[in-house]
C-alpha atoms as a PDB file:
ATOM      1  CA  UNK A   1      14.630 -30.603 -43.003  1.00  0.00           C
ATOM      2  CA  UNK A   2      14.330 -30.300 -39.222  1.00  0.00           C
ATOM      3  CA  UNK A   3      13.014 -27.101 -37.597  1.00  0.00           C
ATOM      4  CA  UNK A   4      16.440 -26.491 -36.036  1.00  0.00           C
ATOM      5  CA  UNK A   5      18.015 -26.399 -39.464  1.00  0.00           C
ATOM      6  CA  UNK A   6      15.702 -23.541 -40.409  1.00  0.00           C
ATOM      7  CA  UNK A   7      16.079 -21.620 -37.169  1.00  0.00           C
ATOM      8  CA  UNK A   8      17.728 -18.249 -37.208  1.00  0.00           C
ATOM      9  CA  UNK A   9      20.765 -17.562 -35.096  1.00  0.00           C
ATOM     10  CA  UNK A  10      18.745 -16.362 -32.103  1.00  0.00           C
ATOM     11  CA  UNK A  11      16.090 -19.065 -32.171  1.00  0.00           C
ATOM     12  CA  UNK A  12      18.139 -21.897 -30.632  1.00  0.00           C
ATOM     13  CA  UNK A  13      19.071 -19.923 -27.473  1.00  0.00           C
ATOM     14  CA  UNK A  14      15.423 -18.944 -27.086  1.00  0.00           C
ATOM     15  CA  UNK A  15      14.338 -22.581 -27.272  1.00  0.00           C
ATOM     16  CA  UNK A  16      17.047 -23.574 -24.803  1.00  0.00           C
ATOM     17  CA  UNK A  17      15.805 -20.899 -22.414  1.00  0.00           C
ATOM     18  CA  UNK A  18      12.223 -22.084 -22.700  1.00  0.00           C
ATOM     19  CA  UNK A  19      13.333 -25.670 -22.049  1.00  0.00           C
ATOM     20  CA  UNK A  20      15.300 -24.679 -18.959  1.00  0.00           C
ATOM     21  CA  UNK A  21      12.398 -22.690 -17.544  1.00  0.00           C
ATOM     22  CA  UNK A  22      10.141 -25.645 -18.288  1.00  0.00           C
ATOM     23  CA  UNK A  23      12.314 -27.800 -16.042  1.00  0.00           C
ATOM     24  CA  UNK A  24      10.311 -26.358 -13.143  1.00  0.00           C
ATOM     25  CA  UNK A  25       7.063 -27.411 -14.836  1.00  0.00           C
ATOM     26  CA  UNK A  26       6.192 -31.068 -14.254  1.00  0.00           C
ATOM     27  CA  UNK A  27       2.991 -32.443 -15.752  1.00  0.00           C
ATOM     28  CA  UNK A  28       1.476 -34.573 -12.992  1.00  0.00           C
ATOM     29  CA  UNK A  29       0.456 -38.129 -13.810  1.00  0.00           C
ATOM     30  CA  UNK A  30      -2.545 -37.825 -11.530  1.00  0.00           C
ATOM     31  CA  UNK A  31      -4.611 -34.669 -11.202  1.00  0.00           C
ATOM     32  CA  UNK A  32      -3.364 -32.561  -8.316  1.00  0.00           C
ATOM     33  CA  UNK A  33      -5.988 -31.047  -6.009  1.00  0.00           C
ATOM     34  CA  UNK A  34      -6.905 -27.447  -6.748  1.00  0.00           C
ATOM     35  CA  UNK A  35      -5.235 -24.891  -4.498  1.00  0.00           C
ATOM     36  CA  UNK A  36      -7.891 -22.374  -3.591  1.00  0.00           C
ATOM     37  CA  UNK A  37      -7.518 -19.449  -1.217  1.00  0.00           C
ATOM     38  CA  UNK A  38     -10.817 -18.527   0.437  1.00  0.00           C
ATOM     39  CA  UNK A  39     -10.429 -15.372   2.500  1.00  0.00           C
ATOM     40  CA  UNK A  40     -13.299 -13.766   4.439  1.00  0.00           C
ATOM     41  CA  UNK A  41     -15.475 -11.236   2.621  1.00  0.00           C
ATOM     42  CA  UNK A  42     -14.698  -7.825   4.116  1.00  0.00           C
ATOM     43  CA  UNK A  43     -17.906  -6.375   2.682  1.00  0.00           C
ATOM     44  CA  UNK A  44     -19.827  -8.517   5.153  1.00  0.00           C
ATOM     45  CA  UNK A  45     -17.879  -7.135   8.112  1.00  0.00           C
ATOM     46  CA  UNK A  46     -18.619  -4.231  10.385  1.00  0.00           C
ATOM     47  CA  UNK A  47     -16.286  -1.387  11.248  1.00  0.00           C
ATOM     48  CA  UNK A  48     -14.566  -2.247  14.504  1.00  0.00           C
ATOM     49  CA  UNK A  49     -11.225  -1.127  16.027  1.00  0.00           C
ATOM     50  CA  UNK A  50     -10.477  -4.718  17.055  1.00  0.00           C
ATOM     51  CA  UNK A  51      -9.220  -5.455  13.553  1.00  0.00           C
ATOM     52  CA  UNK A  52      -6.821  -2.530  13.625  1.00  0.00           C
ATOM     53  CA  UNK A  53      -5.527  -3.394  17.084  1.00  0.00           C
ATOM     54  CA  UNK A  54      -5.039  -7.071  16.276  1.00  0.00           C
ATOM     55  CA  UNK A  55      -3.250  -6.603  12.947  1.00  0.00           C
ATOM     56  CA  UNK A  56      -1.106  -3.778  14.339  1.00  0.00           C
ATOM     57  CA  UNK A  57      -0.122  -5.998  17.277  1.00  0.00           C
ATOM     58  CA  UNK A  58       0.862  -8.860  14.965  1.00  0.00           C
ATOM     59  CA  UNK A  59       2.868  -6.451  12.801  1.00  0.00           C
ATOM     60  CA  UNK A  60       4.694  -5.061  15.836  1.00  0.00           C
ATOM     61  CA  UNK A  61       5.546  -8.561  17.062  1.00  0.00           C
ATOM     62  CA  UNK A  62       7.308  -9.574  13.835  1.00  0.00           C
ATOM     63  CA  UNK A  63       8.711  -6.166  12.840  1.00  0.00           C
ATOM     64  CA  UNK A  64      12.117  -6.820  14.500  1.00  0.00           C
ATOM     65  CA  UNK A  65      12.666  -9.810  12.196  1.00  0.00           C
ATOM     66  CA  UNK A  66      14.366  -8.352   9.140  1.00  0.00           C
ATOM     67  CA  UNK A  67      16.211 -11.353   7.629  1.00  0.00           C
ATOM     68  CA  UNK A  68      15.162 -14.835   6.652  1.00  0.00           C
ATOM     69  CA  UNK A  69      16.500 -17.810   4.719  1.00  0.00           C
ATOM     70  CA  UNK A  70      14.480 -20.880   3.757  1.00  0.00           C
ATOM     71  CA  UNK A  71      14.214 -23.777   1.383  1.00  0.00           C
ATOM     72  CA  UNK A  72      10.911 -23.573  -0.450  1.00  0.00           C
ATOM     73  CA  UNK A  73       9.154 -26.377  -2.261  1.00  0.00           C
ATOM     74  CA  UNK A  74       6.692 -25.063  -4.851  1.00  0.00           C
ATOM     75  CA  UNK A  75       3.829 -27.010  -6.418  1.00  0.00           C
ATOM     76  CA  UNK A  76       0.608 -26.146  -8.224  1.00  0.00           C
ATOM     77  CA  UNK A  77       0.004 -24.556 -11.575  1.00  0.00           C
ATOM     78  CA  UNK A  78       0.732 -21.373 -13.487  1.00  0.00           C
ATOM     79  CA  UNK A  79      -1.572 -20.860 -16.438  1.00  0.00           C
ATOM     80  CA  UNK A  80      -2.024 -24.323 -17.923  1.00  0.00           C
ATOM     81  CA  UNK A  81       1.311 -25.635 -16.681  1.00  0.00           C
ATOM     82  CA  UNK A  82       1.752 -27.849 -13.657  1.00  0.00           C
ATOM     83  CA  UNK A  83       4.620 -26.605 -11.504  1.00  0.00           C
ATOM     84  CA  UNK A  84       6.941 -28.439  -9.170  1.00  0.00           C
ATOM     85  CA  UNK A  85      10.266 -27.018  -8.115  1.00  0.00           C
ATOM     86  CA  UNK A  86      12.657 -26.073  -5.345  1.00  0.00           C
ATOM     87  CA  UNK A  87      13.813 -22.595  -4.366  1.00  0.00           C
ATOM     88  CA  UNK A  88      16.416 -21.263  -1.985  1.00  0.00           C
ATOM     89  CA  UNK A  89      15.252 -17.883  -0.709  1.00  0.00           C
ATOM     90  CA  UNK A  90      17.013 -15.164   1.249  1.00  0.00           C
ATOM     91  CA  UNK A  91      15.317 -11.942   2.384  1.00  0.00           C
ATOM     92  CA  UNK A  92      16.428  -8.799   4.142  1.00  0.00           C
ATOM     93  CA  UNK A  93      14.018  -5.953   4.791  1.00  0.00           C
ATOM     94  CA  UNK A  94      13.707  -3.435   3.324  1.00  0.00           C
ATOM     95  CA  UNK A  95      13.876  -4.291  -0.342  1.00  0.00           C
ATOM     96  CA  UNK A  96      16.481  -7.052  -0.607  1.00  0.00           C
ATOM     97  CA  UNK A  97      15.820 -10.555  -1.903  1.00  0.00           C
ATOM     98  CA  UNK A  98      17.581 -13.476  -3.543  1.00  0.00           C
ATOM     99  CA  UNK A  99      15.861 -16.484  -5.110  1.00  0.00           C
ATOM    100  CA  UNK A 100      17.789 -19.434  -6.540  1.00  0.00           C
ATOM    101  CA  UNK A 101      15.711 -21.935  -8.536  1.00  0.00           C
ATOM    102  CA  UNK A 102      17.779 -25.046  -7.963  1.00  0.00           C
ATOM    103  CA  UNK A 103      17.904 -28.035 -10.290  1.00  0.00           C
ATOM    104  CA  UNK A 104      18.511 -31.685  -9.321  1.00  0.00           C
ATOM    105  CA  UNK A 105      22.017 -31.306 -10.739  1.00  0.00           C
ATOM    106  CA  UNK A 106      24.205 -28.651 -12.286  1.00  0.00           C
ATOM    107  CA  UNK A 107      23.770 -24.896 -12.327  1.00  0.00           C
ATOM    108  CA  UNK A 108      20.612 -23.186 -11.000  1.00  0.00           C
ATOM    109  CA  UNK A 109      17.770 -22.668 -13.452  1.00  0.00           C
ATOM    110  CA  UNK A 110      17.745 -18.992 -12.526  1.00  0.00           C
ATOM    111  CA  UNK A 111      19.039 -16.594  -9.899  1.00  0.00           C
ATOM    112  CA  UNK A 112      17.005 -13.484  -9.070  1.00  0.00           C
ATOM    113  CA  UNK A 113      18.797 -10.987  -6.854  1.00  0.00           C
ATOM    114  CA  UNK A 114      17.982  -7.457  -5.737  1.00  0.00           C
ATOM    115  CA  UNK A 115      19.954  -5.286  -3.325  1.00  0.00           C
ATOM    116  CA  UNK A 116      17.163  -2.711  -3.179  1.00  0.00           C
ATOM    117  CA  UNK A 117      18.690  -0.605  -5.943  1.00  0.00           C
ATOM    118  CA  UNK A 118      19.622  -3.015  -8.722  1.00  0.00           C
ATOM    119  CA  UNK A 119      17.686  -6.135  -9.685  1.00  0.00           C
ATOM    120  CA  UNK A 120      19.131  -8.862 -11.893  1.00  0.00           C
ATOM    121  CA  UNK A 121      17.853 -12.182 -13.225  1.00  0.00           C
ATOM    122  CA  UNK A 122      20.607 -14.550 -14.354  1.00  0.00           C
ATOM    123  CA  UNK A 123      19.928 -17.737 -16.319  1.00  0.00           C
ATOM    124  CA  UNK A 124      23.263 -19.550 -15.964  1.00  0.00           C
ATOM    125  CA  UNK A 125      22.464 -22.444 -18.280  1.00  0.00           C
ATOM    126  CA  UNK A 126      21.790 -20.094 -21.205  1.00  0.00           C
ATOM    127  CA  UNK A 127      24.382 -17.481 -20.233  1.00  0.00           C
ATOM    128  CA  UNK A 128      21.596 -14.890 -20.308  1.00  0.00           C
ATOM    129  CA  UNK A 129      20.717 -11.995 -18.015  1.00  0.00           C
ATOM    130  CA  UNK A 130      17.725  -9.677 -17.619  1.00  0.00           C
ATOM    131  CA  UNK A 131      18.410  -6.203 -16.239  1.00  0.00           C
ATOM    132  CA  UNK A 132      16.399  -3.002 -15.840  1.00  0.00           C
ATOM    133  CA  UNK A 133      13.329  -4.765 -14.425  1.00  0.00           C
ATOM    134  CA  UNK A 134      11.798  -4.771 -10.956  1.00  0.00           C
ATOM    135  CA  UNK A 135      11.389  -7.789  -8.696  1.00  0.00           C
ATOM    136  CA  UNK A 136       7.623  -7.671  -9.285  1.00  0.00           C
ATOM    137  CA  UNK A 137       8.057  -7.578 -13.076  1.00  0.00           C
ATOM    138  CA  UNK A 138      10.418 -10.539 -13.044  1.00  0.00           C
ATOM    139  CA  UNK A 139       8.215 -12.625 -10.750  1.00  0.00           C
ATOM    140  CA  UNK A 140       5.264 -11.779 -12.974  1.00  0.00           C
ATOM    141  CA  UNK A 141       7.147 -12.972 -16.057  1.00  0.00           C
ATOM    142  CA  UNK A 142       8.369 -16.117 -14.297  1.00  0.00           C
ATOM    143  CA  UNK A 143       5.267 -17.251 -12.365  1.00  0.00           C
ATOM    144  CA  UNK A 144       2.590 -14.529 -12.819  1.00  0.00           C
ATOM    145  CA  UNK A 145       2.916 -13.465  -9.147  1.00  0.00           C
ATOM    146  CA  UNK A 146       3.952  -9.778  -9.258  1.00  0.00           C
ATOM    147  CA  UNK A 147       5.061  -9.205  -5.672  1.00  0.00           C
ATOM    148  CA  UNK A 148       7.680  -6.637  -4.709  1.00  0.00           C
ATOM    149  CA  UNK A 149      10.633  -7.624  -2.543  1.00  0.00           C
ATOM    150  CA  UNK A 150       8.947  -6.178   0.544  1.00  0.00           C
ATOM    151  CA  UNK A 151       5.626  -7.836  -0.338  1.00  0.00           C
ATOM    152  CA  UNK A 152       7.457 -11.129  -0.663  1.00  0.00           C
ATOM    153  CA  UNK A 153       9.107 -10.588   2.728  1.00  0.00           C
ATOM    154  CA  UNK A 154       5.715  -9.952   4.349  1.00  0.00           C
ATOM    155  CA  UNK A 155       4.392 -13.164   2.838  1.00  0.00           C
ATOM    156  CA  UNK A 156       7.375 -15.360   3.669  1.00  0.00           C
ATOM    157  CA  UNK A 157       7.596 -14.013   7.216  1.00  0.00           C
ATOM    158  CA  UNK A 158       3.790 -14.071   7.653  1.00  0.00           C
ATOM    159  CA  UNK A 159       4.150 -10.513   8.898  1.00  0.00           C
ATOM    160  CA  UNK A 160       1.483  -7.894   8.108  1.00  0.00           C
ATOM    161  CA  UNK A 161       2.475  -4.359   7.257  1.00  0.00           C
ATOM    162  CA  UNK A 162       2.758  -1.909  10.121  1.00  0.00           C
ATOM    163  CA  UNK A 163       0.980   0.984   8.387  1.00  0.00           C
ATOM    164  CA  UNK A 164      -2.552  -0.216   9.083  1.00  0.00           C
ATOM    165  CA  UNK A 165      -5.393   2.188   8.317  1.00  0.00           C
ATOM    166  CA  UNK A 166      -7.815   2.370  11.241  1.00  0.00           C
ATOM    167  CA  UNK A 167     -10.675   3.378   8.933  1.00  0.00           C
ATOM    168  CA  UNK A 168     -10.397  -0.001   7.159  1.00  0.00           C
ATOM    169  CA  UNK A 169     -10.676  -2.095  10.321  1.00  0.00           C
ATOM    170  CA  UNK A 170     -13.334  -4.814  10.294  1.00  0.00           C
ATOM    171  CA  UNK A 171     -14.903  -7.441  12.524  1.00  0.00           C
ATOM    172  CA  UNK A 172     -15.926 -10.246  10.190  1.00  0.00           C
ATOM    173  CA  UNK A 173     -18.618 -12.935  10.415  1.00  0.00           C
ATOM    174  CA  UNK A 174     -17.341 -15.861  12.455  1.00  0.00           C
ATOM    175  CA  UNK A 175     -15.146 -13.667  14.631  1.00  0.00           C
ATOM    176  CA  UNK A 176     -12.177 -13.092  12.290  1.00  0.00           C
ATOM    177  CA  UNK A 177     -10.859  -9.540  11.839  1.00  0.00           C
ATOM    178  CA  UNK A 178      -9.201  -7.568   9.067  1.00  0.00           C
ATOM    179  CA  UNK A 179      -7.446  -4.276   8.445  1.00  0.00           C
ATOM    180  CA  UNK A 180      -6.068  -2.622   5.323  1.00  0.00           C
ATOM    181  CA  UNK A 181      -3.071  -0.368   4.907  1.00  0.00           C
ATOM    182  CA  UNK A 182      -2.710   2.796   2.841  1.00  0.00           C
ATOM    183  CA  UNK A 183      -1.486   0.719  -0.109  1.00  0.00           C
ATOM    184  CA  UNK A 184      -4.695  -1.288  -0.188  1.00  0.00           C
ATOM    185  CA  UNK A 185      -3.182  -4.518   1.195  1.00  0.00           C
ATOM    186  CA  UNK A 186      -5.666  -6.231   3.509  1.00  0.00           C
ATOM    187  CA  UNK A 187      -4.507  -8.529   6.306  1.00  0.00           C
ATOM    188  CA  UNK A 188      -6.805 -11.060   7.989  1.00  0.00           C
ATOM    189  CA  UNK A 189      -6.388 -12.518  11.471  1.00  0.00           C
ATOM    190  CA  UNK A 190      -8.012 -15.270  13.501  1.00  0.00           C
ATOM    191  CA  UNK A 191      -8.348 -14.526  17.192  1.00  0.00           C
ATOM    192  CA  UNK A 192      -8.719 -17.978  18.786  1.00  0.00           C
ATOM    193  CA  UNK A 193      -7.040 -19.802  20.366  1.00  0.00           C
ATOM    194  CA  UNK A 194      -4.440 -17.029  20.001  1.00  0.00           C
ATOM    195  CA  UNK A 195      -4.235 -14.230  17.412  1.00  0.00           C
ATOM    196  CA  UNK A 196      -2.503 -15.343  14.223  1.00  0.00           C
ATOM    197  CA  UNK A 197      -2.272 -14.059  10.679  1.00  0.00           C
ATOM    198  CA  UNK A 198      -4.800 -15.898   8.529  1.00  0.00           C
ATOM    199  CA  UNK A 199      -4.102 -14.381   5.129  1.00  0.00           C
ATOM    200  CA  UNK A 200      -3.345 -11.326   3.015  1.00  0.00           C
ATOM    201  CA  UNK A 201      -4.887  -9.804  -0.091  1.00  0.00           C
ATOM    202  CA  UNK A 202      -2.705  -7.731  -2.440  1.00  0.00           C
ATOM    203  CA  UNK A 203      -4.230  -5.563  -5.172  1.00  0.00           C
ATOM    204  CA  UNK A 204      -2.327  -5.569  -8.448  1.00  0.00           C
ATOM    205  CA  UNK A 205      -2.293  -2.585 -10.773  1.00  0.00           C
ATOM    206  CA  UNK A 206      -1.346  -2.671 -14.412  1.00  0.00           C
ATOM    207  CA  UNK A 207      -2.746  -4.012 -17.639  1.00  0.00           C
ATOM    208  CA  UNK A 208      -4.202  -7.123 -15.993  1.00  0.00           C
ATOM    209  CA  UNK A 209      -6.585  -6.491 -13.099  1.00  0.00           C
ATOM    210  CA  UNK A 210      -5.746  -9.132 -10.530  1.00  0.00           C
ATOM    211  CA  UNK A 211      -5.557  -9.749  -6.831  1.00  0.00           C
ATOM    212  CA  UNK A 212      -3.041 -11.944  -5.053  1.00  0.00           C
ATOM    213  CA  UNK A 213      -4.690 -13.911  -2.253  1.00  0.00           C
ATOM    214  CA  UNK A 214      -2.420 -15.482   0.367  1.00  0.00           C
ATOM    215  CA  UNK A 215      -3.381 -18.006   3.048  1.00  0.00           C
ATOM    216  CA  UNK A 216      -1.133 -19.193   5.868  1.00  0.00           C
ATOM    217  CA  UNK A 217      -1.379 -22.665   7.384  1.00  0.00           C
ATOM    218  CA  UNK A 218       0.886 -24.315   9.967  1.00  0.00           C
ATOM    219  CA  UNK A 219       2.783 -27.343   8.719  1.00  0.00           C
ATOM    220  CA  UNK A 220       4.173 -30.339  10.534  1.00  0.00           C
ATOM    221  CA  UNK A 221       7.767 -31.168  11.427  1.00  0.00           C
ATOM    222  CA  UNK A 222       8.933 -27.551  11.432  1.00  0.00           C
ATOM    223  CA  UNK A 223       7.436 -26.787   8.018  1.00  0.00           C
ATOM    224  CA  UNK A 224       5.179 -23.866   7.103  1.00  0.00           C
ATOM    225  CA  UNK A 225       2.681 -23.750   4.270  1.00  0.00           C
ATOM    226  CA  UNK A 226       1.671 -20.727   2.208  1.00  0.00           C
ATOM    227  CA  UNK A 227      -1.012 -20.958  -0.474  1.00  0.00           C
ATOM    228  CA  UNK A 228      -1.107 -18.365  -3.254  1.00  0.00           C
ATOM    229  CA  UNK A 229      -3.872 -17.688  -5.763  1.00  0.00           C
ATOM    230  CA  UNK A 230      -3.639 -14.963  -8.393  1.00  0.00           C
ATOM    231  CA  UNK A 231      -6.525 -13.530 -10.373  1.00  0.00           C
ATOM    232  CA  UNK A 232     -10.037 -14.612 -11.134  1.00  0.00           C
ATOM    233  CA  UNK A 233     -10.097 -16.876 -13.031  1.00  0.00           C
ATOM    234  CA  UNK A 234      -6.866 -17.935 -11.404  1.00  0.00           C
ATOM    235  CA  UNK A 235      -3.720 -17.200 -13.387  1.00  0.00           C
ATOM    236  CA  UNK A 236      -1.704 -19.106 -10.783  1.00  0.00           C
ATOM    237  CA  UNK A 237      -2.403 -21.435  -7.879  1.00  0.00           C
ATOM    238  CA  UNK A 238       0.703 -22.294  -5.899  1.00  0.00           C
ATOM    239  CA  UNK A 239       1.556 -24.009  -2.628  1.00  0.00           C
ATOM    240  CA  UNK A 240       4.845 -23.065  -1.010  1.00  0.00           C
ATOM    241  CA  UNK A 241       6.200 -25.343   1.703  1.00  0.00           C
ATOM    242  CA  UNK A 242       8.921 -23.689   3.755  1.00  0.00           C
ATOM    243  CA  UNK A 243      11.566 -25.732   5.546  1.00  0.00           C
ATOM    244  CA  UNK A 244      14.932 -25.024   7.195  1.00  0.00           C
ATOM    245  CA  UNK A 245      13.646 -21.557   8.050  1.00  0.00           C
ATOM    246  CA  UNK A 246      16.154 -19.314   9.786  1.00  0.00           C
ATOM    247  CA  UNK A 247      15.498 -15.719  10.859  1.00  0.00           C
ATOM    248  CA  UNK A 248      17.780 -13.097  12.312  1.00  0.00           C
ATOM    249  CA  UNK A 249      20.925 -14.330  10.532  1.00  0.00           C
ATOM    250  CA  UNK A 250      23.414 -11.827   9.186  1.00  0.00           C
ATOM    251  CA  UNK A 251      23.218 -11.709   5.400  1.00  0.00           C
ATOM    252  CA  UNK A 252      26.012  -9.821   3.710  1.00  0.00           C
ATOM    253  CA  UNK A 253      25.483  -7.370   0.883  1.00  0.00           C
ATOM    254  CA  UNK A 254      27.063  -9.811  -1.560  1.00  0.00           C
ATOM    255  CA  UNK A 255      24.179 -12.260  -1.038  1.00  0.00           C
ATOM    256  CA  UNK A 256      21.867  -9.902  -2.909  1.00  0.00           C
ATOM    257  CA  UNK A 257      24.079  -9.319  -5.930  1.00  0.00           C
ATOM    258  CA  UNK A 258      23.939 -11.883  -8.735  1.00  0.00           C
ATOM    259  CA  UNK A 259      27.226 -12.772 -10.390  1.00  0.00           C
ATOM    260  CA  UNK A 260      27.006 -12.245 -14.141  1.00  0.00           C
ATOM    261  CA  UNK A 261      29.735 -14.250 -15.920  1.00  0.00           C
ATOM    262  CA  UNK A 262      31.664 -12.633 -18.783  1.00  0.00           C
ATOM    263  CA  UNK A 263      30.068 -13.214 -22.157  1.00  0.00           C
ATOM    264  CA  UNK A 264      26.525 -13.365 -20.758  1.00  0.00           C
ATOM    265  CA  UNK A 265      24.059 -12.037 -23.304  1.00  0.00           C
ATOM    266  CA  UNK A 266      21.343  -9.553 -22.459  1.00  0.00           C
ATOM    267  CA  UNK A 267      17.694 -10.557 -22.542  1.00  0.00           C
ATOM    268  CA  UNK A 268      14.805  -8.098 -22.426  1.00  0.00           C
ATOM    269  CA  UNK A 269      11.860  -8.464 -20.083  1.00  0.00           C
ATOM    270  CA  UNK A 270       9.507  -8.696 -23.073  1.00  0.00           C
ATOM    271  CA  UNK A 271      11.586 -11.506 -24.531  1.00  0.00           C
ATOM    272  CA  UNK A 272      11.522 -13.342 -21.208  1.00  0.00           C
ATOM    273  CA  UNK A 273       7.728 -13.060 -21.164  1.00  0.00           C
ATOM    274  CA  UNK A 274       7.420 -14.306 -24.737  1.00  0.00           C
ATOM    275  CA  UNK A 275       9.471 -17.444 -24.248  1.00  0.00           C
ATOM    276  CA  UNK A 276       8.423 -18.335 -20.717  1.00  0.00           C
ATOM    277  CA  UNK A 277       6.250 -21.479 -20.569  1.00  0.00           C
ATOM    278  CA  UNK A 278       4.324 -19.683 -17.791  1.00  0.00           C
ATOM    279  CA  UNK A 279       3.573 -16.504 -19.726  1.00  0.00           C
ATOM    280  CA  UNK A 280       0.036 -15.109 -19.576  1.00  0.00           C
ATOM    281  CA  UNK A 281      -2.041 -15.743 -22.717  1.00  0.00           C
ATOM    282  CA  UNK A 282      -2.241 -12.836 -25.140  1.00  0.00           C
ATOM    283  CA  UNK A 283      -4.961 -10.355 -24.248  1.00  0.00           C
ATOM    284  CA  UNK A 284      -4.830 -10.944 -20.494  1.00  0.00           C
END
């Protein structure tokens, strides 16, 4: 007797969901290089207002940009799984985001949409939906990167937060600078040849003590590269390559509301975590 013949009524949809999520996990034939984010050590810095002034200036320069759309190629690993996939991302500050995980053909693998009040994850291929969860909770369940919608906007726009705390301003060895905001997010900048955002460090609260380290690197041919490393040891190491980036476009309210077809079944956040191929091991 095959396992499917013994499965209960809910087991087959769960397996289908796991298979669809695994479509974004591709086991590489050759070993991919490790994606490591090495940010300066702020404990080796000295208190200096230059960090505050530099980060605040960078934040002011990009603050007027409130919308963004981009195609995002994602590669790396989450847990023990190799990851390769394509996302279509739309952002509107404050608090609004839409992420479509596109497949080579057919319906998207998932659609995550938040209008700042309501957040929904739709899995069209399984006719399933997750409600009553935050953007950070859903991203944690999907790829172990628990960023809020506004955190994600800061990362995708390479735009530090404006609320920089002057008491956490540092001049670092080698001439880089840093400053932290009231929420504990530290931004790093390189001064030469012109000031630019080097990286960000997000603390993560909750059951698993982690930090999300972000590094920004310019890409060629109009592309931008963002490296992400979560935790120590790393729960996730991802490289996001942004292309077709557009900012300042008008994005209507409907862009941030996911369409839930009739007959779609509800899925809990805990169930999503249990069946995700990228779920954190028990005890972490």
